[in-house]
Amino acid sequence: MDETGVLLGLTRTHARSEMGTRAYSLNPFYRGSKVTVIGAISIKKVVALMTMNGSMDGIAFELFIEKFLVPNLWSGAVDVN
């Protein structure tokens, strides 16, 4: 089981310009939304996967466990996280 977040509004920190000229930008560091992805895999397959807008919290984690992970587990399965 693992969780990651993707910031959709990040801007570039490096740029190119013609020789002898400077590259300028007025982009803010961060503007946009965040998508969180949480999933569980076994040796043979993806067991559960959930995406959500925003950040993971305890309520969202419980929802993932209850609605996505537990229904796909088999007898003798062990979760390591």
N, C-alpha and C. Protein backbone atom coordinates (compact mmCIF):
# COMPACT_ATOMS: atom_id res chain seq x y z
N MET A 1 0.85 -1.15 0.00
CA MET A 1 0.00 0.00 0.00
C MET A 1 0.91 1.23 0.00
N ASP A 2 0.52 2.24 -0.81
CA ASP A 2 1.29 3.47 -0.87
C ASP A 2 0.38 4.60 -1.30
N GLU A 3 0.76 5.82 -0.95
CA GLU A 3 -0.01 7.01 -1.26
C GLU A 3 0.93 8.07 -1.79
N THR A 4 0.46 8.84 -2.77
CA THR A 4 1.25 9.94 -3.31
C THR A 4 0.32 11.08 -3.69
N GLY A 5 0.87 12.27 -3.78
CA GLY A 5 0.10 13.44 -4.20
C GLY A 5 0.75 14.08 -5.41
N VAL A 6 -0.08 14.63 -6.28
CA VAL A 6 0.39 15.29 -7.49
C VAL A 6 -0.14 16.72 -7.48
N LEU A 7 0.77 17.70 -7.52
CA LEU A 7 0.38 19.10 -7.58
C LEU A 7 0.21 19.48 -9.05
N LEU A 8 -1.00 19.86 -9.44
CA LEU A 8 -1.30 20.11 -10.84
C LEU A 8 -0.90 21.51 -11.31
N GLY A 9 -0.63 22.41 -10.40
CA GLY A 9 -0.39 23.80 -10.79
C GLY A 9 1.04 24.26 -10.68
N LEU A 10 2.00 23.36 -10.54
CA LEU A 10 3.39 23.80 -10.43
C LEU A 10 3.86 24.42 -11.74
N THR A 11 4.73 25.40 -11.62
CA THR A 11 5.30 26.03 -12.80
C THR A 11 6.78 25.65 -12.92
N ARG A 12 7.33 25.88 -14.09
CA ARG A 12 8.74 25.54 -14.32
C ARG A 12 9.66 26.43 -13.50
N THR A 13 10.79 25.86 -13.07
CA THR A 13 11.78 26.63 -12.33
C THR A 13 12.98 26.99 -13.20
N HIS A 14 13.08 26.43 -14.40
CA HIS A 14 14.18 26.72 -15.31
C HIS A 14 13.61 27.05 -16.69
N ALA A 15 14.36 27.86 -17.44
CA ALA A 15 13.90 28.24 -18.77
C ALA A 15 15.10 28.40 -19.69
N ARG A 16 14.82 28.52 -20.98
CA ARG A 16 15.86 28.76 -21.98
C ARG A 16 15.59 30.11 -22.64
N SER A 17 16.67 30.72 -23.08
CA SER A 17 16.53 31.97 -23.84
C SER A 17 17.66 32.04 -24.86
N GLU A 18 17.55 32.98 -25.77
CA GLU A 18 18.58 33.15 -26.78
C GLU A 18 19.90 33.53 -26.12
N MET A 19 21.00 33.18 -26.75
CA MET A 19 22.34 33.46 -26.23
C MET A 19 22.47 34.95 -25.90
N GLY A 20 22.90 35.25 -24.71
CA GLY A 20 23.12 36.63 -24.30
C GLY A 20 21.89 37.33 -23.75
N THR A 21 20.73 36.64 -23.69
CA THR A 21 19.52 37.25 -23.13
C THR A 21 19.07 36.45 -21.91
N ARG A 22 18.31 37.09 -21.09
CA ARG A 22 17.82 36.46 -19.87
C ARG A 22 16.35 36.06 -20.03
N ALA A 23 15.98 34.92 -19.47
CA ALA A 23 14.58 34.46 -19.49
C ALA A 23 13.87 35.03 -18.26
N TYR A 24 12.70 35.63 -18.47
CA TYR A 24 11.91 36.20 -17.38
C TYR A 24 10.57 35.49 -17.28
N SER A 25 10.04 35.39 -16.06
CA SER A 25 8.73 34.81 -15.85
C SER A 25 8.13 35.37 -14.57
N LEU A 26 6.86 35.62 -14.59
CA LEU A 26 6.16 36.12 -13.41
C LEU A 26 5.22 35.08 -12.83
N ASN A 27 5.48 33.81 -13.10
CA ASN A 27 4.62 32.74 -12.61
C ASN A 27 4.77 32.56 -11.10
N PRO A 28 3.65 32.38 -10.39
CA PRO A 28 3.76 32.07 -8.96
C PRO A 28 4.30 30.66 -8.78
N PHE A 29 4.85 30.37 -7.60
CA PHE A 29 5.42 29.04 -7.36
C PHE A 29 4.36 27.95 -7.47
N TYR A 30 3.21 28.17 -6.86
CA TYR A 30 2.18 27.13 -6.87
C TYR A 30 0.81 27.76 -7.03
N ARG A 31 0.08 27.27 -7.99
CA ARG A 31 -1.32 27.68 -8.15
C ARG A 31 -2.05 26.53 -8.82
N GLY A 32 -3.00 25.96 -8.15
CA GLY A 32 -3.73 24.84 -8.72
C GLY A 32 -4.15 23.86 -7.67
N SER A 33 -4.67 22.76 -8.12
CA SER A 33 -5.21 21.77 -7.19
C SER A 33 -4.24 20.60 -7.00
N LYS A 34 -4.59 19.75 -6.06
CA LYS A 34 -3.78 18.58 -5.74
C LYS A 34 -4.65 17.33 -5.90
N VAL A 35 -4.07 16.31 -6.50
CA VAL A 35 -4.75 15.01 -6.64
C VAL A 35 -3.96 14.00 -5.83
N THR A 36 -4.64 13.24 -4.98
CA THR A 36 -4.01 12.21 -4.17
C THR A 36 -4.38 10.85 -4.75
N VAL A 37 -3.38 9.97 -4.81
CA VAL A 37 -3.57 8.61 -5.31
C VAL A 37 -3.12 7.65 -4.22
N ILE A 38 -3.96 6.68 -3.88
CA ILE A 38 -3.59 5.65 -2.92
C ILE A 38 -3.94 4.30 -3.54
N GLY A 39 -3.06 3.34 -3.34
CA GLY A 39 -3.29 2.04 -3.93
C GLY A 39 -2.61 0.93 -3.16
N ALA A 40 -3.00 -0.28 -3.48
CA ALA A 40 -2.41 -1.48 -2.87
C ALA A 40 -2.19 -2.49 -3.99
N ILE A 41 -1.02 -3.15 -3.96
CA ILE A 41 -0.71 -4.16 -4.98
C ILE A 41 -0.31 -5.46 -4.30
N SER A 42 -0.48 -6.54 -5.04
CA SER A 42 0.03 -7.84 -4.61
C SER A 42 1.11 -8.23 -5.62
N ILE A 43 1.64 -9.41 -5.48
CA ILE A 43 2.65 -9.88 -6.42
C ILE A 43 2.06 -10.03 -7.82
N LYS A 44 0.77 -10.33 -7.90
CA LYS A 44 0.15 -10.64 -9.19
C LYS A 44 -0.71 -9.53 -9.79
N LYS A 45 -1.24 -8.61 -8.96
CA LYS A 45 -2.19 -7.64 -9.51
C LYS A 45 -2.31 -6.40 -8.63
N VAL A 46 -2.98 -5.38 -9.18
CA VAL A 46 -3.38 -4.21 -8.40
C VAL A 46 -4.63 -4.61 -7.62
N VAL A 47 -4.56 -4.52 -6.32
CA VAL A 47 -5.67 -4.96 -5.47
C VAL A 47 -6.70 -3.86 -5.30
N ALA A 48 -6.26 -2.62 -5.07
CA ALA A 48 -7.18 -1.51 -4.86
C ALA A 48 -6.51 -0.21 -5.30
N LEU A 49 -7.33 0.72 -5.79
CA LEU A 49 -6.81 2.02 -6.25
C LEU A 49 -7.90 3.06 -6.04
N MET A 50 -7.50 4.21 -5.49
CA MET A 50 -8.44 5.30 -5.29
C MET A 50 -7.74 6.62 -5.56
N THR A 51 -8.41 7.53 -6.25
CA THR A 51 -7.90 8.89 -6.43
C THR A 51 -8.89 9.86 -5.82
N MET A 52 -8.39 10.99 -5.37
CA MET A 52 -9.27 12.00 -4.79
C MET A 52 -8.66 13.37 -4.98
N ASN A 53 -9.50 14.39 -5.05
CA ASN A 53 -9.02 15.76 -5.10
C ASN A 53 -8.69 16.20 -3.68
N GLY A 54 -7.57 16.88 -3.53
CA GLY A 54 -7.17 17.35 -2.21
C GLY A 54 -6.20 16.39 -1.55
N SER A 55 -6.01 16.58 -0.25
CA SER A 55 -5.05 15.80 0.52
C SER A 55 -5.72 14.64 1.25
N MET A 56 -4.94 13.60 1.52
CA MET A 56 -5.41 12.44 2.26
C MET A 56 -5.53 12.82 3.74
N ASP A 57 -6.62 12.39 4.36
CA ASP A 57 -6.79 12.55 5.80
C ASP A 57 -7.31 11.22 6.36
N GLY A 58 -7.56 11.18 7.65
CA GLY A 58 -7.99 9.95 8.29
C GLY A 58 -9.32 9.42 7.77
N ILE A 59 -10.24 10.33 7.48
CA ILE A 59 -11.55 9.91 6.97
C ILE A 59 -11.41 9.29 5.58
N ALA A 60 -10.61 9.92 4.72
CA ALA A 60 -10.41 9.38 3.37
C ALA A 60 -9.67 8.04 3.43
N PHE A 61 -8.72 7.90 4.35
CA PHE A 61 -8.00 6.64 4.49
C PHE A 61 -8.94 5.53 4.93
N GLU A 62 -9.81 5.80 5.90
CA GLU A 62 -10.79 4.81 6.34
C GLU A 62 -11.72 4.42 5.19
N LEU A 63 -12.12 5.38 4.37
CA LEU A 63 -12.96 5.10 3.21
C LEU A 63 -12.24 4.17 2.24
N PHE A 64 -10.96 4.43 1.97
CA PHE A 64 -10.18 3.57 1.09
C PHE A 64 -10.14 2.14 1.62
N ILE A 65 -9.85 2.01 2.91
CA ILE A 65 -9.76 0.67 3.52
C ILE A 65 -11.11 -0.05 3.42
N GLU A 66 -12.17 0.65 3.82
CA GLU A 66 -13.50 0.03 3.90
C GLU A 66 -14.12 -0.28 2.53
N LYS A 67 -14.04 0.65 1.61
CA LYS A 67 -14.76 0.52 0.33
C LYS A 67 -13.92 -0.06 -0.81
N PHE A 68 -12.60 0.10 -0.76
CA PHE A 68 -11.77 -0.31 -1.88
C PHE A 68 -10.86 -1.50 -1.55
N LEU A 69 -10.20 -1.48 -0.40
CA LEU A 69 -9.22 -2.52 -0.09
C LEU A 69 -9.86 -3.80 0.45
N VAL A 70 -10.61 -3.70 1.53
CA VAL A 70 -11.15 -4.88 2.20
C VAL A 70 -12.02 -5.75 1.27
N PRO A 71 -12.88 -5.18 0.43
CA PRO A 71 -13.68 -6.05 -0.45
C PRO A 71 -12.85 -6.85 -1.46
N ASN A 72 -11.60 -6.44 -1.72
CA ASN A 72 -10.76 -7.12 -2.70
C ASN A 72 -9.72 -8.05 -2.07
N LEU A 73 -9.70 -8.15 -0.75
CA LEU A 73 -8.75 -9.05 -0.09
C LEU A 73 -9.27 -10.48 -0.08
N TRP A 74 -8.39 -11.42 0.00
CA TRP A 74 -8.74 -12.83 0.03
C TRP A 74 -8.33 -13.42 1.38
N SER A 75 -8.77 -14.60 1.67
CA SER A 75 -8.46 -15.28 2.91
C SER A 75 -6.95 -15.48 3.02
N GLY A 76 -6.37 -15.05 4.12
CA GLY A 76 -4.93 -15.18 4.34
C GLY A 76 -4.10 -14.01 3.85
N ALA A 77 -4.74 -13.00 3.24
CA ALA A 77 -4.01 -11.83 2.75
C ALA A 77 -3.46 -11.02 3.93
N VAL A 78 -2.27 -10.46 3.75
CA VAL A 78 -1.62 -9.66 4.78
C VAL A 78 -1.31 -8.28 4.19
N ASP A 79 -1.67 -7.22 4.90
CA ASP A 79 -1.39 -5.87 4.45
C ASP A 79 -0.14 -5.38 5.14
N VAL A 80 0.85 -4.93 4.37
CA VAL A 80 2.08 -4.35 4.92
C VAL A 80 2.14 -2.92 4.41
N ASN A 81 2.14 -1.97 5.32
CA ASN A 81 2.24 -0.59 4.88
C ASN A 81 3.17 0.21 5.75
